[in-house]
Amino acid sequence: MTDTPVRVLIVDDHPMVAEGIQAILESYDDIQVIGTVGDGREAVGRSLALLPDVILMDLNMPGLGGLGATEIIREQMPDTRILILSMHDSPEYISTALSHGAMGYVLKDVPTEEIKQAIDAVMRGERYLCTGAKGSLEPKEGEEAREALTGREQTILLQLAQGKSNKEVAIALDISVRTVETHRKNIKRKLGISSTAGLTRYALEHGVLQGTGGGL
């Protein structure tokens, strides 16, 4: 076991939140906070420069949101563990974050020591969900568990929610129109949504479209 501290990058657009988390983590000898940044685009750039072991990632940020940043960082730096630190406890947020490559999900109102537990867990290669996130993912009594979207389905949902046709999505992703149609049917079935307008509304309400417009 190495004595090298775990290198942590904090990504949150609220400076007071980022500073608070930094103060908590700096009280541990085996953690080194190597930076704090305020948006997803900056997180991608700083991650490539600083090579963190763990990134604590907020979801809703100006410009590139946490989901998009997570996907890009995981693609470019597969060994970096990303922990979502969010106030959103809806199952859609949690399952979407995990499908985008996050290794854990922690709500911002957890006791401070739980953030440390989460970092330790993902450093061991384990997935970590705080109690509130776990409870949110469990189906309520008499309710079936909702099937999570795959990473590919998330990508296609984003494209469809931006108003693209099946053909345009097929060209953008270099897949057949028939494949897009199949994914589209699966997305609607999993989400229980029958219309394209419903898909767009879902994407807006759950942060999928957030950070795809201006500022990129």
N, C-alpha and C. Protein backbone atom coordinates (compact mmCIF):
# COMPACT_ATOMS: atom_id res chain seq x y z
N MET A 1 0.85 -1.20 0.00
CA MET A 1 0.00 0.00 0.00
C MET A 1 0.89 1.25 0.00
N THR A 2 0.62 2.14 -0.93
CA THR A 2 1.44 3.34 -1.04
C THR A 2 1.01 4.41 -0.02
N ASP A 3 1.96 5.24 0.39
CA ASP A 3 1.66 6.34 1.31
C ASP A 3 1.34 7.63 0.56
N THR A 4 1.35 7.57 -0.76
CA THR A 4 1.06 8.77 -1.56
C THR A 4 -0.39 9.20 -1.32
N PRO A 5 -0.62 10.49 -0.98
CA PRO A 5 -2.01 10.91 -0.75
C PRO A 5 -2.85 10.83 -2.01
N VAL A 6 -4.14 10.64 -1.81
CA VAL A 6 -5.10 10.62 -2.93
C VAL A 6 -5.26 12.05 -3.43
N ARG A 7 -5.04 12.23 -4.73
CA ARG A 7 -5.12 13.57 -5.33
C ARG A 7 -6.57 13.83 -5.77
N VAL A 8 -7.18 14.87 -5.17
CA VAL A 8 -8.60 15.14 -5.39
C VAL A 8 -8.79 16.51 -6.06
N LEU A 9 -9.63 16.53 -7.10
CA LEU A 9 -10.04 17.78 -7.75
C LEU A 9 -11.51 18.02 -7.42
N ILE A 10 -11.85 19.22 -6.97
CA ILE A 10 -13.23 19.57 -6.62
C ILE A 10 -13.83 20.43 -7.73
N VAL A 11 -14.99 20.03 -8.24
CA VAL A 11 -15.66 20.77 -9.33
C VAL A 11 -17.03 21.20 -8.85
N ASP A 12 -17.20 22.50 -8.58
CA ASP A 12 -18.48 23.03 -8.11
C ASP A 12 -18.51 24.52 -8.42
N ASP A 13 -19.65 24.99 -8.94
CA ASP A 13 -19.71 26.41 -9.33
C ASP A 13 -20.07 27.33 -8.16
N HIS A 14 -20.23 26.78 -6.96
CA HIS A 14 -20.46 27.61 -5.77
C HIS A 14 -19.17 27.64 -4.94
N PRO A 15 -18.44 28.76 -4.95
CA PRO A 15 -17.14 28.83 -4.26
C PRO A 15 -17.21 28.43 -2.80
N MET A 16 -18.30 28.81 -2.10
CA MET A 16 -18.39 28.49 -0.67
C MET A 16 -18.50 26.98 -0.45
N VAL A 17 -19.24 26.31 -1.34
CA VAL A 17 -19.37 24.85 -1.25
C VAL A 17 -18.01 24.20 -1.49
N ALA A 18 -17.34 24.64 -2.57
CA ALA A 18 -16.02 24.07 -2.91
C ALA A 18 -15.02 24.28 -1.79
N GLU A 19 -15.03 25.50 -1.20
CA GLU A 19 -14.09 25.79 -0.11
C GLU A 19 -14.39 24.96 1.13
N GLY A 20 -15.69 24.75 1.39
CA GLY A 20 -16.08 23.95 2.54
C GLY A 20 -15.62 22.51 2.41
N ILE A 21 -15.82 21.94 1.21
CA ILE A 21 -15.39 20.56 0.96
C ILE A 21 -13.86 20.47 1.05
N GLN A 22 -13.19 21.47 0.49
CA GLN A 22 -11.72 21.48 0.53
C GLN A 22 -11.23 21.49 1.97
N ALA A 23 -11.84 22.31 2.82
CA ALA A 23 -11.43 22.40 4.23
C ALA A 23 -11.62 21.07 4.94
N ILE A 24 -12.73 20.39 4.63
CA ILE A 24 -12.99 19.07 5.24
C ILE A 24 -11.92 18.07 4.82
N LEU A 25 -11.66 18.01 3.50
CA LEU A 25 -10.74 17.00 2.98
C LEU A 25 -9.30 17.26 3.40
N GLU A 26 -8.94 18.53 3.55
CA GLU A 26 -7.56 18.85 3.92
C GLU A 26 -7.23 18.49 5.36
N SER A 27 -8.26 18.11 6.13
CA SER A 27 -8.00 17.66 7.51
C SER A 27 -7.52 16.21 7.55
N TYR A 28 -7.55 15.54 6.39
CA TYR A 28 -7.08 14.15 6.31
C TYR A 28 -5.67 14.12 5.70
N ASP A 29 -4.77 13.41 6.37
CA ASP A 29 -3.38 13.34 5.91
C ASP A 29 -3.23 12.60 4.58
N ASP A 30 -4.17 11.68 4.30
CA ASP A 30 -4.01 10.86 3.09
C ASP A 30 -4.77 11.40 1.89
N ILE A 31 -5.20 12.68 1.97
CA ILE A 31 -5.86 13.33 0.84
C ILE A 31 -5.18 14.66 0.53
N GLN A 32 -4.96 14.91 -0.73
CA GLN A 32 -4.38 16.19 -1.18
C GLN A 32 -5.34 16.82 -2.19
N VAL A 33 -5.91 17.97 -1.83
CA VAL A 33 -6.78 18.68 -2.78
C VAL A 33 -5.88 19.45 -3.74
N ILE A 34 -5.92 19.08 -5.03
CA ILE A 34 -4.99 19.67 -5.99
C ILE A 34 -5.60 20.83 -6.78
N GLY A 35 -6.89 21.11 -6.52
CA GLY A 35 -7.50 22.24 -7.20
C GLY A 35 -9.01 22.25 -7.03
N THR A 36 -9.60 23.44 -7.26
CA THR A 36 -11.06 23.58 -7.31
C THR A 36 -11.39 24.38 -8.57
N VAL A 37 -12.39 23.91 -9.31
CA VAL A 37 -12.81 24.60 -10.53
C VAL A 37 -14.32 24.75 -10.52
N GLY A 38 -14.83 25.69 -11.35
CA GLY A 38 -16.24 26.05 -11.27
C GLY A 38 -17.12 25.63 -12.42
N ASP A 39 -16.58 24.93 -13.42
CA ASP A 39 -17.45 24.45 -14.49
C ASP A 39 -16.84 23.22 -15.15
N GLY A 40 -17.69 22.52 -15.91
CA GLY A 40 -17.28 21.26 -16.51
C GLY A 40 -16.17 21.38 -17.53
N ARG A 41 -16.21 22.43 -18.33
CA ARG A 41 -15.18 22.61 -19.36
C ARG A 41 -13.81 22.79 -18.72
N GLU A 42 -13.77 23.61 -17.66
CA GLU A 42 -12.50 23.83 -16.95
C GLU A 42 -12.06 22.53 -16.26
N ALA A 43 -13.04 21.76 -15.78
CA ALA A 43 -12.73 20.49 -15.12
C ALA A 43 -12.01 19.54 -16.07
N VAL A 44 -12.46 19.50 -17.32
CA VAL A 44 -11.82 18.63 -18.32
C VAL A 44 -10.37 19.05 -18.53
N GLY A 45 -10.16 20.36 -18.74
CA GLY A 45 -8.81 20.86 -18.98
C GLY A 45 -7.87 20.66 -17.80
N ARG A 46 -8.37 20.96 -16.58
CA ARG A 46 -7.53 20.84 -15.39
C ARG A 46 -7.24 19.37 -15.07
N SER A 47 -8.21 18.50 -15.36
CA SER A 47 -8.00 17.07 -15.10
C SER A 47 -6.85 16.53 -15.95
N LEU A 48 -6.83 16.93 -17.21
CA LEU A 48 -5.76 16.46 -18.11
C LEU A 48 -4.40 17.00 -17.66
N ALA A 49 -4.40 18.21 -17.07
CA ALA A 49 -3.14 18.82 -16.63
C ALA A 49 -2.69 18.29 -15.26
N LEU A 50 -3.65 18.08 -14.35
CA LEU A 50 -3.29 17.75 -12.96
C LEU A 50 -3.34 16.26 -12.65
N LEU A 51 -4.04 15.48 -13.48
CA LEU A 51 -4.14 14.01 -13.30
C LEU A 51 -4.63 13.63 -11.90
N PRO A 52 -5.84 14.04 -11.52
CA PRO A 52 -6.36 13.67 -10.20
C PRO A 52 -6.70 12.18 -10.13
N ASP A 53 -6.65 11.64 -8.90
CA ASP A 53 -7.11 10.26 -8.69
C ASP A 53 -8.63 10.22 -8.61
N VAL A 54 -9.19 11.24 -7.93
CA VAL A 54 -10.64 11.31 -7.72
C VAL A 54 -11.12 12.73 -8.03
N ILE A 55 -12.27 12.82 -8.70
CA ILE A 55 -12.89 14.13 -8.95
C ILE A 55 -14.24 14.14 -8.24
N LEU A 56 -14.48 15.16 -7.41
CA LEU A 56 -15.80 15.38 -6.82
C LEU A 56 -16.53 16.34 -7.76
N MET A 57 -17.58 15.86 -8.41
CA MET A 57 -18.21 16.59 -9.52
C MET A 57 -19.65 16.99 -9.19
N ASP A 58 -19.91 18.29 -9.25
CA ASP A 58 -21.29 18.77 -9.15
C ASP A 58 -21.99 18.48 -10.49
N LEU A 59 -23.33 18.45 -10.49
CA LEU A 59 -24.05 18.16 -11.73
C LEU A 59 -24.42 19.42 -12.49
N ASN A 60 -25.12 20.34 -11.83
CA ASN A 60 -25.63 21.52 -12.51
C ASN A 60 -24.65 22.68 -12.42
N MET A 61 -24.04 22.97 -13.57
CA MET A 61 -23.06 24.06 -13.63
C MET A 61 -23.24 24.81 -14.94
N PRO A 62 -22.82 26.07 -14.99
CA PRO A 62 -22.91 26.80 -16.26
C PRO A 62 -21.97 26.20 -17.30
N GLY A 63 -22.28 26.43 -18.57
CA GLY A 63 -21.43 25.87 -19.63
C GLY A 63 -21.63 24.38 -19.71
N LEU A 64 -20.54 23.64 -19.67
CA LEU A 64 -20.61 22.18 -19.72
C LEU A 64 -21.00 21.64 -18.35
N GLY A 65 -22.09 20.89 -18.28
CA GLY A 65 -22.57 20.35 -17.00
C GLY A 65 -21.75 19.15 -16.55
N GLY A 66 -22.07 18.68 -15.35
CA GLY A 66 -21.31 17.59 -14.75
C GLY A 66 -21.39 16.28 -15.50
N LEU A 67 -22.56 15.98 -16.10
CA LEU A 67 -22.69 14.72 -16.84
C LEU A 67 -21.78 14.70 -18.06
N GLY A 68 -21.82 15.80 -18.82
CA GLY A 68 -20.98 15.89 -20.02
C GLY A 68 -19.50 15.83 -19.66
N ALA A 69 -19.12 16.54 -18.59
CA ALA A 69 -17.72 16.54 -18.16
C ALA A 69 -17.29 15.14 -17.71
N THR A 70 -18.17 14.44 -17.00
CA THR A 70 -17.87 13.09 -16.54
C THR A 70 -17.60 12.17 -17.72
N GLU A 71 -18.46 12.26 -18.73
CA GLU A 71 -18.31 11.38 -19.89
C GLU A 71 -16.99 11.64 -20.62
N ILE A 72 -16.65 12.92 -20.80
CA ILE A 72 -15.42 13.28 -21.51
C ILE A 72 -14.18 12.84 -20.73
N ILE A 73 -14.18 13.11 -19.42
CA ILE A 73 -13.02 12.76 -18.59
C ILE A 73 -12.83 11.25 -18.53
N ARG A 74 -13.93 10.51 -18.38
CA ARG A 74 -13.83 9.04 -18.31
C ARG A 74 -13.29 8.47 -19.62
N GLU A 75 -13.66 9.11 -20.72
CA GLU A 75 -13.19 8.65 -22.04
C GLU A 75 -11.69 8.90 -22.18
N GLN A 76 -11.24 10.07 -21.72
CA GLN A 76 -9.83 10.45 -21.89
C GLN A 76 -8.94 9.94 -20.77
N MET A 77 -9.51 9.74 -19.58
CA MET A 77 -8.73 9.32 -18.42
C MET A 77 -9.49 8.22 -17.68
N PRO A 78 -9.53 7.01 -18.24
CA PRO A 78 -10.36 5.94 -17.67
C PRO A 78 -10.00 5.54 -16.24
N ASP A 79 -8.78 5.86 -15.78
CA ASP A 79 -8.39 5.48 -14.42
C ASP A 79 -8.83 6.49 -13.36
N THR A 80 -9.30 7.65 -13.80
CA THR A 80 -9.76 8.67 -12.84
C THR A 80 -11.15 8.31 -12.33
N ARG A 81 -11.31 8.31 -11.01
CA ARG A 81 -12.62 7.98 -10.43
C ARG A 81 -13.42 9.26 -10.24
N ILE A 82 -14.68 9.24 -10.65
CA ILE A 82 -15.51 10.43 -10.50
C ILE A 82 -16.65 10.15 -9.53
N LEU A 83 -16.75 11.01 -8.52
CA LEU A 83 -17.82 10.94 -7.53
C LEU A 83 -18.74 12.13 -7.73
N ILE A 84 -20.01 11.88 -8.00
CA ILE A 84 -20.95 12.99 -8.12
C ILE A 84 -21.33 13.45 -6.72
N LEU A 85 -21.24 14.76 -6.50
CA LEU A 85 -21.63 15.35 -5.21
C LEU A 85 -22.74 16.35 -5.54
N SER A 86 -23.98 15.97 -5.23
CA SER A 86 -25.12 16.75 -5.72
C SER A 86 -26.20 16.85 -4.66
N MET A 87 -27.11 17.82 -4.84
CA MET A 87 -28.26 17.91 -3.94
C MET A 87 -29.47 17.19 -4.54
N HIS A 88 -29.36 16.72 -5.77
CA HIS A 88 -30.48 16.04 -6.43
C HIS A 88 -30.51 14.57 -6.04
N ASP A 89 -31.65 14.11 -5.49
CA ASP A 89 -31.73 12.71 -5.08
C ASP A 89 -32.73 11.90 -5.91
N SER A 90 -33.14 12.45 -7.08
CA SER A 90 -34.10 11.68 -7.90
C SER A 90 -33.38 10.50 -8.54
N PRO A 91 -34.09 9.35 -8.68
CA PRO A 91 -33.44 8.17 -9.26
C PRO A 91 -32.92 8.41 -10.67
N GLU A 92 -33.60 9.31 -11.42
CA GLU A 92 -33.14 9.59 -12.79
C GLU A 92 -31.76 10.23 -12.78
N TYR A 93 -31.54 11.20 -11.89
CA TYR A 93 -30.23 11.85 -11.80
C TYR A 93 -29.16 10.82 -11.46
N ILE A 94 -29.46 9.96 -10.48
CA ILE A 94 -28.46 9.02 -9.98
C ILE A 94 -28.11 7.97 -11.04
N SER A 95 -29.15 7.35 -11.63
CA SER A 95 -28.87 6.30 -12.63
C SER A 95 -28.21 6.89 -13.87
N THR A 96 -28.59 8.13 -14.23
CA THR A 96 -27.97 8.79 -15.39
C THR A 96 -26.49 9.06 -15.12
N ALA A 97 -26.18 9.53 -13.92
CA ALA A 97 -24.78 9.81 -13.57
C ALA A 97 -23.94 8.53 -13.62
N LEU A 98 -24.49 7.44 -13.09
CA LEU A 98 -23.75 6.17 -13.08
C LEU A 98 -23.56 5.66 -14.51
N SER A 99 -24.58 5.84 -15.36
CA SER A 99 -24.46 5.36 -16.74
C SER A 99 -23.47 6.20 -17.54
N HIS A 100 -23.19 7.43 -17.08
CA HIS A 100 -22.21 8.28 -17.75
C HIS A 100 -20.77 8.00 -17.27
N GLY A 101 -20.63 7.07 -16.32
CA GLY A 101 -19.27 6.70 -15.91
C GLY A 101 -18.88 7.07 -14.49
N ALA A 102 -19.79 7.74 -13.74
CA ALA A 102 -19.47 8.06 -12.35
C ALA A 102 -19.38 6.77 -11.54
N MET A 103 -18.46 6.73 -10.57
CA MET A 103 -18.30 5.54 -9.73
C MET A 103 -19.07 5.67 -8.42
N GLY A 104 -19.62 6.84 -8.17
CA GLY A 104 -20.35 7.01 -6.93
C GLY A 104 -21.23 8.24 -6.97
N TYR A 105 -22.15 8.31 -6.02
CA TYR A 105 -23.09 9.43 -5.94
C TYR A 105 -23.32 9.74 -4.46
N VAL A 106 -23.00 10.97 -4.07
CA VAL A 106 -23.12 11.39 -2.68
C VAL A 106 -23.94 12.68 -2.63
N LEU A 107 -24.93 12.72 -1.76
CA LEU A 107 -25.74 13.93 -1.61
C LEU A 107 -24.98 14.95 -0.76
N LYS A 108 -25.20 16.22 -1.06
CA LYS A 108 -24.41 17.28 -0.40
C LYS A 108 -24.71 17.43 1.09
N ASP A 109 -25.84 16.84 1.53
CA ASP A 109 -26.18 17.00 2.95
C ASP A 109 -25.70 15.83 3.82
N VAL A 110 -24.81 14.98 3.27
CA VAL A 110 -24.31 13.85 4.07
C VAL A 110 -23.34 14.35 5.14
N PRO A 111 -23.15 13.58 6.22
CA PRO A 111 -22.11 13.94 7.21
C PRO A 111 -20.75 14.03 6.50
N THR A 112 -19.91 14.93 6.98
CA THR A 112 -18.65 15.19 6.28
C THR A 112 -17.78 13.94 6.14
N GLU A 113 -17.81 13.06 7.15
CA GLU A 113 -16.94 11.87 7.07
C GLU A 113 -17.39 10.92 5.96
N GLU A 114 -18.64 11.06 5.51
CA GLU A 114 -19.09 10.15 4.46
C GLU A 114 -18.44 10.47 3.11
N ILE A 115 -18.08 11.72 2.90
CA ILE A 115 -17.36 12.07 1.67
C ILE A 115 -16.02 11.34 1.65
N LYS A 116 -15.37 11.30 2.79
CA LYS A 116 -14.09 10.57 2.90
C LYS A 116 -14.31 9.07 2.65
N GLN A 117 -15.38 8.51 3.22
CA GLN A 117 -15.69 7.09 3.00
C GLN A 117 -15.90 6.81 1.51
N ALA A 118 -16.59 7.73 0.84
CA ALA A 118 -16.85 7.56 -0.59
C ALA A 118 -15.56 7.57 -1.39
N ILE A 119 -14.66 8.49 -1.05
CA ILE A 119 -13.36 8.56 -1.74
C ILE A 119 -12.58 7.27 -1.53
N ASP A 120 -12.55 6.79 -0.28
CA ASP A 120 -11.84 5.54 0.01
C ASP A 120 -12.42 4.38 -0.78
N ALA A 121 -13.76 4.33 -0.88
CA ALA A 121 -14.42 3.23 -1.58
C ALA A 121 -14.07 3.22 -3.07
N VAL A 122 -14.16 4.37 -3.72
CA VAL A 122 -13.88 4.38 -5.17
C VAL A 122 -12.40 4.14 -5.44
N MET A 123 -11.55 4.53 -4.50
CA MET A 123 -10.11 4.24 -4.66
C MET A 123 -9.83 2.74 -4.56
N ARG A 124 -10.72 2.02 -3.88
CA ARG A 124 -10.60 0.55 -3.83
C ARG A 124 -11.25 -0.10 -5.05
N GLY A 125 -11.81 0.73 -5.94
CA GLY A 125 -12.45 0.20 -7.14
C GLY A 125 -13.91 -0.17 -6.92
N GLU A 126 -14.49 0.29 -5.79
CA GLU A 126 -15.88 -0.03 -5.49
C GLU A 126 -16.80 1.12 -5.88
N ARG A 127 -18.05 0.78 -6.22
CA ARG A 127 -19.05 1.82 -6.46
C ARG A 127 -19.59 2.27 -5.10
N TYR A 128 -19.86 3.58 -4.95
CA TYR A 128 -20.35 4.08 -3.66
C TYR A 128 -21.61 4.91 -3.86
N LEU A 129 -22.68 4.51 -3.18
CA LEU A 129 -23.90 5.32 -3.15
C LEU A 129 -24.20 5.63 -1.69
N CYS A 130 -24.40 6.92 -1.36
CA CYS A 130 -24.76 7.25 0.01
C CYS A 130 -26.15 6.70 0.30
N THR A 131 -26.52 6.65 1.56
CA THR A 131 -27.79 6.03 1.96
C THR A 131 -28.98 6.65 1.23
N GLY A 132 -29.00 7.98 1.14
CA GLY A 132 -30.11 8.67 0.47
C GLY A 132 -30.20 8.31 -1.00
N ALA A 133 -29.05 8.17 -1.65
CA ALA A 133 -29.04 7.82 -3.08
C ALA A 133 -29.49 6.37 -3.28
N LYS A 134 -29.04 5.48 -2.39
CA LYS A 134 -29.46 4.07 -2.48
C LYS A 134 -30.97 3.96 -2.33
N GLY A 135 -31.51 4.66 -1.33
CA GLY A 135 -32.95 4.60 -1.07
C GLY A 135 -33.75 5.15 -2.23
N SER A 136 -33.20 6.17 -2.88
CA SER A 136 -33.89 6.78 -4.01
C SER A 136 -33.96 5.83 -5.21
N LEU A 137 -32.94 4.98 -5.36
CA LEU A 137 -32.92 4.05 -6.49
C LEU A 137 -33.82 2.84 -6.27
N GLU A 138 -34.16 2.56 -5.00
CA GLU A 138 -35.00 1.39 -4.72
C GLU A 138 -36.44 1.71 -5.09
N PRO A 139 -37.12 0.79 -5.79
CA PRO A 139 -38.52 1.05 -6.18
C PRO A 139 -39.42 1.16 -4.95
N LYS A 140 -40.40 2.07 -5.02
CA LYS A 140 -41.37 2.20 -3.94
C LYS A 140 -42.28 0.97 -3.94
N GLU A 141 -42.99 0.78 -2.85
CA GLU A 141 -43.87 -0.38 -2.73
C GLU A 141 -44.91 -0.38 -3.85
N GLY A 142 -45.05 -1.51 -4.53
CA GLY A 142 -46.02 -1.63 -5.61
C GLY A 142 -45.56 -1.00 -6.91
N GLU A 143 -44.30 -0.57 -6.97
CA GLU A 143 -43.78 0.11 -8.16
C GLU A 143 -42.62 -0.72 -8.72
N GLU A 144 -42.60 -0.85 -10.02
CA GLU A 144 -41.51 -1.61 -10.64
C GLU A 144 -40.26 -0.75 -10.73
N ALA A 145 -39.11 -1.38 -10.62
CA ALA A 145 -37.84 -0.64 -10.78
C ALA A 145 -37.73 -0.14 -12.21
N ARG A 146 -37.37 1.12 -12.38
CA ARG A 146 -37.21 1.66 -13.73
C ARG A 146 -35.84 1.24 -14.28
N GLU A 147 -35.87 0.77 -15.49
CA GLU A 147 -34.63 0.31 -16.13
C GLU A 147 -33.79 1.53 -16.52
N ALA A 148 -32.52 1.53 -16.17
CA ALA A 148 -31.65 2.67 -16.46
C ALA A 148 -31.30 2.70 -17.95
N LEU A 149 -31.13 3.91 -18.47
CA LEU A 149 -30.69 4.06 -19.87
C LEU A 149 -29.21 3.71 -19.96
N THR A 150 -28.82 3.10 -21.08
CA THR A 150 -27.41 2.84 -21.32
C THR A 150 -26.73 4.15 -21.74
N GLY A 151 -25.40 4.14 -21.77
CA GLY A 151 -24.66 5.33 -22.21
C GLY A 151 -25.05 5.74 -23.62
N ARG A 152 -25.21 4.76 -24.51
CA ARG A 152 -25.59 5.05 -25.90
C ARG A 152 -27.00 5.66 -25.96
N GLU A 153 -27.90 5.12 -25.15
CA GLU A 153 -29.26 5.66 -25.12
C GLU A 153 -29.27 7.09 -24.59
N GLN A 154 -28.42 7.37 -23.59
CA GLN A 154 -28.30 8.74 -23.07
C GLN A 154 -27.86 9.69 -24.18
N THR A 155 -26.88 9.25 -24.96
CA THR A 155 -26.36 10.08 -26.06
C THR A 155 -27.46 10.35 -27.08
N ILE A 156 -28.21 9.32 -27.42
CA ILE A 156 -29.28 9.48 -28.41
C ILE A 156 -30.41 10.33 -27.86
N LEU A 157 -30.73 10.16 -26.59
CA LEU A 157 -31.76 11.01 -25.96
C LEU A 157 -31.36 12.48 -26.07
N LEU A 158 -30.10 12.77 -25.82
CA LEU A 158 -29.60 14.15 -25.91
C LEU A 158 -29.79 14.69 -27.32
N GLN A 159 -29.43 13.88 -28.31
CA GLN A 159 -29.56 14.31 -29.71
C GLN A 159 -31.04 14.55 -30.09
N LEU A 160 -31.90 13.63 -29.69
CA LEU A 160 -33.33 13.75 -30.01
C LEU A 160 -33.94 14.95 -29.31
N ALA A 161 -33.53 15.17 -28.06
CA ALA A 161 -34.07 16.28 -27.27
C ALA A 161 -33.66 17.64 -27.85
N GLN A 162 -32.57 17.64 -28.63
CA GLN A 162 -32.14 18.88 -29.30
C GLN A 162 -32.91 19.11 -30.60
N GLY A 163 -33.88 18.22 -30.89
CA GLY A 163 -34.74 18.39 -32.05
C GLY A 163 -34.24 17.73 -33.31
N LYS A 164 -33.23 16.87 -33.21
CA LYS A 164 -32.70 16.21 -34.41
C LYS A 164 -33.59 15.05 -34.84
N SER A 165 -33.65 14.84 -36.13
CA SER A 165 -34.42 13.71 -36.66
C SER A 165 -33.61 12.42 -36.51
N ASN A 166 -34.30 11.28 -36.72
CA ASN A 166 -33.59 10.00 -36.65
C ASN A 166 -32.41 9.97 -37.62
N LYS A 167 -32.65 10.53 -38.82
CA LYS A 167 -31.60 10.54 -39.84
C LYS A 167 -30.40 11.38 -39.41
N GLU A 168 -30.69 12.56 -38.84
CA GLU A 168 -29.61 13.44 -38.37
C GLU A 168 -28.81 12.80 -37.24
N VAL A 169 -29.51 12.11 -36.33
CA VAL A 169 -28.83 11.41 -35.24
C VAL A 169 -27.94 10.30 -35.80
N ALA A 170 -28.48 9.57 -36.78
CA ALA A 170 -27.72 8.47 -37.40
C ALA A 170 -26.43 8.99 -38.02
N ILE A 171 -26.51 10.12 -38.72
CA ILE A 171 -25.32 10.71 -39.36
C ILE A 171 -24.32 11.17 -38.29
N ALA A 172 -24.85 11.84 -37.25
CA ALA A 172 -23.97 12.39 -36.20
C ALA A 172 -23.22 11.29 -35.46
N LEU A 173 -23.88 10.15 -35.26
CA LEU A 173 -23.27 9.06 -34.47
C LEU A 173 -22.71 7.94 -35.33
N ASP A 174 -22.85 8.10 -36.66
CA ASP A 174 -22.33 7.11 -37.61
C ASP A 174 -22.94 5.72 -37.36
N ILE A 175 -24.27 5.72 -37.21
CA ILE A 175 -25.01 4.45 -37.07
C ILE A 175 -26.19 4.49 -38.04
N SER A 176 -26.88 3.37 -38.21
CA SER A 176 -27.99 3.32 -39.17
C SER A 176 -29.24 3.96 -38.57
N VAL A 177 -30.13 4.43 -39.46
CA VAL A 177 -31.41 5.01 -39.02
C VAL A 177 -32.21 3.96 -38.26
N ARG A 178 -32.15 2.72 -38.72
CA ARG A 178 -32.88 1.63 -38.05
C ARG A 178 -32.40 1.46 -36.59
N THR A 179 -31.07 1.60 -36.39
CA THR A 179 -30.51 1.48 -35.03
C THR A 179 -31.02 2.62 -34.15
N VAL A 180 -31.07 3.82 -34.72
CA VAL A 180 -31.59 4.97 -33.96
C VAL A 180 -33.05 4.73 -33.58
N GLU A 181 -33.83 4.21 -34.53
CA GLU A 181 -35.25 3.94 -34.26
C GLU A 181 -35.41 2.92 -33.13
N THR A 182 -34.56 1.90 -33.14
CA THR A 182 -34.61 0.87 -32.08
C THR A 182 -34.28 1.48 -30.72
N HIS A 183 -33.21 2.29 -30.69
CA HIS A 183 -32.83 2.95 -29.43
C HIS A 183 -33.95 3.88 -28.96
N ARG A 184 -34.55 4.59 -29.91
CA ARG A 184 -35.61 5.54 -29.58
C ARG A 184 -36.79 4.82 -28.90
N LYS A 185 -37.17 3.68 -29.47
CA LYS A 185 -38.26 2.88 -28.89
C LYS A 185 -37.90 2.43 -27.48
N ASN A 186 -36.64 1.96 -27.30
CA ASN A 186 -36.21 1.49 -25.99
C ASN A 186 -36.20 2.62 -24.95
N ILE A 187 -35.75 3.81 -25.39
CA ILE A 187 -35.71 4.97 -24.48
C ILE A 187 -37.13 5.31 -24.02
N LYS A 188 -38.07 5.35 -24.98
CA LYS A 188 -39.46 5.69 -24.64
C LYS A 188 -40.06 4.64 -23.70
N ARG A 189 -39.75 3.36 -23.98
CA ARG A 189 -40.28 2.28 -23.14
C ARG A 189 -39.73 2.39 -21.71
N LYS A 190 -38.40 2.60 -21.60
CA LYS A 190 -37.77 2.65 -20.28
C LYS A 190 -38.26 3.84 -19.46
N LEU A 191 -38.48 4.97 -20.13
CA LEU A 191 -38.87 6.19 -19.42
C LEU A 191 -40.38 6.33 -19.29
N GLY A 192 -41.12 5.46 -20.00
CA GLY A 192 -42.58 5.55 -19.97
C GLY A 192 -43.07 6.81 -20.65
N ILE A 193 -42.39 7.22 -21.73
CA ILE A 193 -42.72 8.45 -22.46
C ILE A 193 -43.12 8.07 -23.89
N SER A 194 -44.21 8.69 -24.38
CA SER A 194 -44.71 8.28 -25.71
C SER A 194 -44.38 9.28 -26.82
N SER A 195 -44.05 10.52 -26.47
CA SER A 195 -43.85 11.54 -27.52
C SER A 195 -42.44 12.13 -27.49
N THR A 196 -42.03 12.72 -28.62
CA THR A 196 -40.73 13.40 -28.68
C THR A 196 -40.72 14.61 -27.76
N ALA A 197 -41.86 15.31 -27.67
CA ALA A 197 -41.95 16.47 -26.76
C ALA A 197 -41.72 16.02 -25.33
N GLY A 198 -42.24 14.83 -25.00
CA GLY A 198 -42.03 14.27 -23.66
C GLY A 198 -40.57 13.98 -23.39
N LEU A 199 -39.86 13.48 -24.42
CA LEU A 199 -38.42 13.20 -24.28
C LEU A 199 -37.66 14.51 -24.02
N THR A 200 -38.03 15.56 -24.75
CA THR A 200 -37.36 16.86 -24.58
C THR A 200 -37.61 17.39 -23.17
N ARG A 201 -38.86 17.28 -22.73
CA ARG A 201 -39.20 17.76 -21.38
C ARG A 201 -38.42 16.98 -20.32
N TYR A 202 -38.35 15.66 -20.50
CA TYR A 202 -37.59 14.82 -19.56
C TYR A 202 -36.13 15.26 -19.53
N ALA A 203 -35.55 15.48 -20.71
CA ALA A 203 -34.14 15.87 -20.81
C ALA A 203 -33.88 17.20 -20.10
N LEU A 204 -34.81 18.14 -20.25
CA LEU A 204 -34.66 19.45 -19.60
C LEU A 204 -34.79 19.31 -18.08
N GLU A 205 -35.79 18.54 -17.64
CA GLU A 205 -36.06 18.42 -16.20
C GLU A 205 -34.95 17.67 -15.46
N HIS A 206 -34.24 16.78 -16.18
CA HIS A 206 -33.24 15.95 -15.51
C HIS A 206 -31.80 16.33 -15.87
N GLY A 207 -31.64 17.55 -16.43
CA GLY A 207 -30.29 18.06 -16.62
C GLY A 207 -29.54 17.47 -17.80
N VAL A 208 -30.24 16.66 -18.63
CA VAL A 208 -29.54 16.04 -19.77
C VAL A 208 -29.17 17.09 -20.80
N LEU A 209 -30.07 18.07 -20.99
CA LEU A 209 -29.81 19.13 -21.98
C LEU A 209 -28.96 20.24 -21.41
N GLN A 210 -28.80 20.27 -20.08
CA GLN A 210 -28.08 21.37 -19.44
C GLN A 210 -26.63 21.43 -19.90
N GLY A 211 -26.19 22.61 -20.30
CA GLY A 211 -24.79 22.75 -20.69
C GLY A 211 -24.50 22.37 -22.12
N THR A 212 -25.58 22.24 -22.95
CA THR A 212 -25.31 21.93 -24.35
C THR A 212 -25.43 23.16 -25.24
N GLY A 213 -25.88 24.26 -24.66
CA GLY A 213 -26.08 25.45 -25.47
C GLY A 213 -24.91 26.40 -25.37
N GLY A 214 -25.26 27.72 -25.17
CA GLY A 214 -24.23 28.74 -25.16
C GLY A 214 -23.16 28.50 -24.13
N GLY A 215 -21.99 29.03 -24.41
CA GLY A 215 -20.88 28.93 -23.47
C GLY A 215 -19.95 27.78 -23.78
N LEU A 216 -20.33 26.96 -24.78
CA LEU A 216 -19.45 25.84 -25.12
C LEU A 216 -18.41 26.29 -26.12
